[in-house]
């Protein structure tokens, strides 16, 4: 089985390849493609693979741009950090997906689905227009400020001034770079979408600004501990599953 991986995060691509080869030792990883431009050029000249694993958000666009530009009949398993809107689209079009950070179990399930459906794959071109429109139109819009209520005032806090969002005592809070703390009435999931990719959700409790990350160090059980440039009393750790994604984000920002 010949497989192409489209992924702009090098560590994530390597991790995905390792898991695929572990689960499918006879697989041939024929190409690693990092951008829309590179993928379009590749598929215009190379023979079609048996299966494609594709990230959605790439550095120069979204992967739907690739599939709109060239005729690809190979089945595609999308890898995405975005959830509900993408998942609904994929279900509608019968395409499988993996949520990031992926696990060996999720990849195994996707490969099993591929083998189960293999005989039924159509040779006809799949239309990605609806997927593209749905994805782009529903991409969360990054906000420049977060509104907080303090006493009888509503105060806009610039996201650039926020070091991190976090949960403490079941309440959502933020801490600014000048050590001001505020309580919020939004969930961390909502703030993750509003704050854009300048922030990274390191675990269920913390959403940190890239500018606030001073460094990271190895911790127990292959975890990382994140050290901030601001004073913060709690220890922030990141799981081994999210470490590759975090390091890629750290390197890109």
Protein backbone atom coordinates (compact mmCIF):
# COMPACT_ATOMS: atom_id res chain seq x y z
CA UNK A 1 0.00 0.00 0.00
CA UNK A 2 1.51 3.32 -1.08
CA UNK A 3 0.79 6.23 1.24
CA UNK A 4 1.36 9.98 0.92
CA UNK A 5 1.47 12.21 4.00
CA UNK A 6 0.60 15.89 3.67
CA UNK A 7 1.67 17.64 6.85
CA UNK A 8 3.55 20.90 7.41
CA UNK A 9 4.68 20.01 10.93
CA UNK A 10 7.80 17.88 10.55
CA UNK A 11 7.65 16.17 13.93
CA UNK A 12 3.96 15.40 13.52
CA UNK A 13 4.62 13.91 10.06
CA UNK A 14 7.43 11.76 11.42
CA UNK A 15 5.32 10.62 14.35
CA UNK A 16 2.44 9.78 12.04
CA UNK A 17 4.77 7.83 9.75
CA UNK A 18 6.15 5.82 12.66
CA UNK A 19 2.69 4.83 13.82
CA UNK A 20 1.55 3.91 10.30
CA UNK A 21 4.58 1.67 9.75
CA UNK A 22 4.08 0.07 13.13
CA UNK A 23 0.48 -0.74 12.30
CA UNK A 24 1.03 -1.45 8.61
CA UNK A 25 4.61 -2.75 8.15
CA UNK A 26 4.13 -3.37 4.43
CA UNK A 27 3.11 0.23 3.76
CA UNK A 28 5.32 2.38 1.53
CA UNK A 29 5.49 6.03 2.46
CA UNK A 30 6.16 7.41 -1.00
CA UNK A 31 6.05 11.14 -0.26
CA UNK A 32 5.99 13.69 2.56
CA UNK A 33 4.49 16.94 1.32
CA UNK A 34 4.57 20.13 3.38
CA UNK A 35 2.52 22.68 1.44
CA UNK A 36 -0.31 23.17 -1.01
CA UNK A 37 2.15 24.24 -3.70
CA UNK A 38 4.39 21.22 -3.21
CA UNK A 39 1.45 18.81 -3.13
CA UNK A 40 -0.15 20.16 -6.30
CA UNK A 41 3.17 19.86 -8.15
CA UNK A 42 3.63 16.32 -6.87
CA UNK A 43 0.18 15.00 -7.77
CA UNK A 44 0.33 16.54 -11.25
CA UNK A 45 3.23 14.24 -12.13
CA UNK A 46 3.32 11.29 -9.74
CA UNK A 47 1.12 8.18 -9.90
CA UNK A 48 -1.80 8.13 -7.49
CA UNK A 49 -1.10 6.53 -4.10
CA UNK A 50 -3.44 4.06 -2.44
CA UNK A 51 -4.13 6.32 0.52
CA UNK A 52 -3.44 9.89 1.64
CA UNK A 53 -3.15 11.23 5.18
CA UNK A 54 -3.65 14.98 4.99
CA UNK A 55 -3.56 17.82 7.45
CA UNK A 56 -6.12 20.53 6.68
CA UNK A 57 -4.41 23.73 7.71
CA UNK A 58 -1.10 24.13 5.87
CA UNK A 59 1.32 27.03 5.82
CA UNK A 60 0.20 28.34 2.41
CA UNK A 61 -3.50 27.43 2.53
CA UNK A 62 -5.85 24.56 3.28
CA UNK A 63 -5.44 21.10 1.81
CA UNK A 64 -8.81 21.35 0.03
CA UNK A 65 -7.00 23.70 -2.37
CA UNK A 66 -4.88 20.72 -3.45
CA UNK A 67 -7.83 18.48 -4.16
CA UNK A 68 -9.62 21.21 -6.06
CA UNK A 69 -6.56 21.85 -8.22
CA UNK A 70 -5.73 18.27 -9.21
CA UNK A 71 -7.81 15.18 -9.87
CA UNK A 72 -7.15 12.80 -6.99
CA UNK A 73 -9.20 9.62 -6.64
CA UNK A 74 -7.25 8.12 -3.74
CA UNK A 75 -9.12 7.99 -0.43
CA UNK A 76 -8.06 10.62 2.07
CA UNK A 77 -7.90 10.50 5.85
CA UNK A 78 -7.88 14.04 7.14
CA UNK A 79 -6.00 15.04 10.29
CA UNK A 80 -7.41 18.09 11.97
CA UNK A 81 -7.28 20.02 15.21
CA UNK A 82 -10.69 21.50 14.42
CA UNK A 83 -13.64 19.53 15.53
CA UNK A 84 -17.35 19.89 15.09
CA UNK A 85 -17.69 21.70 11.77
CA UNK A 86 -15.04 19.64 10.08
CA UNK A 87 -16.36 16.40 11.48
CA UNK A 88 -19.87 17.09 10.25
CA UNK A 89 -18.53 17.79 6.79
CA UNK A 90 -16.49 14.61 6.72
CA UNK A 91 -19.39 12.51 7.88
CA UNK A 92 -21.59 13.97 5.19
CA UNK A 93 -19.06 13.08 2.52
CA UNK A 94 -18.09 9.72 3.94
CA UNK A 95 -14.42 10.65 4.49
CA UNK A 96 -12.59 9.55 7.59
CA UNK A 97 -10.74 11.92 9.90
CA UNK A 98 -8.34 11.92 12.85
CA UNK A 99 -8.36 14.55 15.53
CA UNK A 100 -5.01 15.95 16.62
CA UNK A 101 -3.19 15.01 18.66
CA UNK A 102 -3.71 11.57 17.11
CA UNK A 103 -3.11 8.29 18.90
CA UNK A 104 -2.12 4.84 17.73
CA UNK A 105 -5.70 3.73 18.35
CA UNK A 106 -7.21 6.49 16.20
CA UNK A 107 -4.84 5.74 13.31
CA UNK A 108 -5.53 2.02 13.60
CA UNK A 109 -9.25 2.68 13.42
CA UNK A 110 -8.81 4.86 10.35
CA UNK A 111 -6.68 2.22 8.61
CA UNK A 112 -9.23 -0.46 9.47
CA UNK A 113 -11.94 1.67 7.93
CA UNK A 114 -9.81 2.11 4.82
CA UNK A 115 -9.41 -1.64 4.40
CA UNK A 116 -13.08 -2.27 5.08
CA UNK A 117 -14.16 0.26 2.44
CA UNK A 118 -11.40 -0.41 -0.04
CA UNK A 119 -13.49 -2.34 -2.53
CA UNK A 120 -16.13 0.32 -2.54
CA UNK A 121 -13.94 3.32 -3.30
CA UNK A 122 -15.19 5.20 -6.30
CA UNK A 123 -12.92 6.13 -9.16
CA UNK A 124 -14.93 9.28 -9.70
CA UNK A 125 -13.56 12.62 -8.61
CA UNK A 126 -14.74 13.70 -5.21
CA UNK A 127 -15.96 17.28 -4.93
CA UNK A 128 -14.24 19.12 -2.11
CA UNK A 129 -15.94 22.44 -2.80
CA UNK A 130 -18.55 21.97 -0.09
CA UNK A 131 -15.91 20.85 2.39
CA UNK A 132 -13.71 23.83 1.52
CA UNK A 133 -16.53 26.33 1.88
CA UNK A 134 -17.71 24.82 5.13
CA UNK A 135 -14.23 24.74 6.59
CA UNK A 136 -13.19 28.23 5.55
CA UNK A 137 -16.50 29.85 6.45
CA UNK A 138 -16.54 28.28 9.86
CA UNK A 139 -12.93 28.81 10.78
CA UNK A 140 -12.85 30.63 14.11
CA UNK A 141 -12.03 34.31 13.78
CA UNK A 142 -9.14 35.47 15.89
CA UNK A 143 -10.05 38.31 18.21
CA UNK A 144 -7.76 41.16 19.23
CA UNK A 145 -9.22 41.66 22.71
CA UNK A 146 -10.97 39.69 25.42
CA UNK A 147 -13.61 41.45 27.48
CA UNK A 148 -13.47 41.04 31.24
CA UNK A 149 -15.78 42.36 33.91
CA UNK A 150 -14.11 43.97 36.88
CA UNK A 151 -16.35 45.50 39.54
CA UNK A 152 -18.84 47.57 37.54
CA UNK A 153 -16.65 47.93 34.46
CA UNK A 154 -16.17 45.96 31.26
CA UNK A 155 -12.50 46.07 30.30
CA UNK A 156 -11.01 44.99 26.94
CA UNK A 157 -7.73 43.14 27.42
CA UNK A 158 -5.54 42.89 24.34
CA UNK A 159 -4.72 39.26 23.58
CA UNK A 160 -1.11 40.33 23.02
CA UNK A 161 -1.05 41.40 26.66
CA UNK A 162 -2.32 38.04 27.96
CA UNK A 163 0.30 35.51 29.07
CA UNK A 164 -2.09 32.62 29.61
CA UNK A 165 -5.63 31.50 30.24
CA UNK A 166 -6.16 28.85 32.88
CA UNK A 167 -8.69 27.07 35.03
CA UNK A 168 -8.46 27.32 38.82
CA UNK A 169 -11.14 26.15 41.24
CA UNK A 170 -13.39 25.41 38.26
CA UNK A 171 -13.22 29.05 37.14
CA UNK A 172 -11.62 30.37 33.97
CA UNK A 173 -9.03 33.08 34.51
CA UNK A 174 -6.39 35.00 32.61
CA UNK A 175 -3.05 36.43 33.62
CA UNK A 176 -1.49 39.36 31.79
CA UNK A 177 2.21 39.93 31.27
CA UNK A 178 2.11 42.65 33.92
CA UNK A 179 0.71 40.13 36.44
CA UNK A 180 -2.88 41.33 36.38
CA UNK A 181 -5.39 38.54 36.92
CA UNK A 182 -9.03 38.49 35.83
CA UNK A 183 -11.89 36.05 35.98
CA UNK A 184 -13.73 35.19 32.76
CA UNK A 185 -17.15 33.86 31.91
CA UNK A 186 -15.92 31.89 28.89
CA UNK A 187 -14.77 28.31 28.67
CA UNK A 188 -11.20 27.50 27.72
CA UNK A 189 -12.43 25.81 24.53
CA UNK A 190 -14.02 29.06 23.39
CA UNK A 191 -10.94 31.10 24.28
CA UNK A 192 -8.78 28.65 22.34
CA UNK A 193 -10.71 29.44 19.18
CA UNK A 194 -10.84 33.19 19.82
CA UNK A 195 -7.15 33.60 20.62
CA UNK A 196 -5.82 31.98 17.42
CA UNK A 197 -2.58 30.11 16.95
CA UNK A 198 -0.50 32.54 19.00
CA UNK A 199 -1.82 30.48 21.91
CA UNK A 200 -1.42 26.75 22.49
CA UNK A 201 -3.64 24.49 24.59
CA UNK A 202 -1.00 22.53 26.47
CA UNK A 203 -3.54 20.52 28.47
CA UNK A 204 -7.10 20.76 29.73
CA UNK A 205 -6.17 23.44 32.24
CA UNK A 206 -3.85 25.85 30.42
CA UNK A 207 -3.80 27.89 27.22
CA UNK A 208 -0.49 29.72 26.89
CA UNK A 209 0.75 32.58 24.74
CA UNK A 210 3.89 31.82 22.73
CA UNK A 211 5.46 35.03 24.03
CA UNK A 212 5.04 33.75 27.58
CA UNK A 213 6.95 30.51 26.98
CA UNK A 214 10.53 30.94 28.15
CA UNK A 215 11.56 27.30 27.65
CA UNK A 216 10.51 23.70 28.17
CA UNK A 217 12.27 20.91 30.01
CA UNK A 218 11.91 17.15 30.20
CA UNK A 219 9.71 15.91 32.99
CA UNK A 220 8.58 12.53 34.25
CA UNK A 221 7.10 9.90 31.89
CA UNK A 222 8.27 11.69 28.74
CA UNK A 223 6.27 14.78 29.62
CA UNK A 224 7.54 18.33 29.28
CA UNK A 225 7.30 21.05 31.87
CA UNK A 226 6.83 24.56 30.51
CA UNK A 227 8.57 27.50 32.12
CA UNK A 228 6.98 30.89 31.65
CA UNK A 229 8.49 34.35 31.43
CA UNK A 230 5.89 35.57 33.93
CA UNK A 231 5.58 34.62 37.58
CA UNK A 232 3.09 31.74 37.93
CA UNK A 233 3.04 29.41 40.90
CA UNK A 234 1.54 26.31 39.27
CA UNK A 235 3.60 23.75 37.32
CA UNK A 236 2.45 23.46 33.71
CA UNK A 237 3.11 20.14 32.02
CA UNK A 238 2.35 18.81 28.56
CA UNK A 239 1.69 15.16 27.75
CA UNK A 240 3.98 13.09 25.56
CA UNK A 241 1.15 12.80 22.99
CA UNK A 242 0.96 16.58 22.54
CA UNK A 243 4.70 17.19 22.75
CA UNK A 244 5.46 16.94 18.98
CA UNK A 245 2.64 19.35 18.16
CA UNK A 246 3.76 21.73 20.89
CA UNK A 247 7.40 21.72 19.75
CA UNK A 248 6.37 22.38 16.17
CA UNK A 249 4.22 25.29 17.32
CA UNK A 250 7.07 26.57 19.48
CA UNK A 251 9.48 26.45 16.54
CA UNK A 252 7.12 28.14 14.10
CA UNK A 253 6.11 31.02 16.35
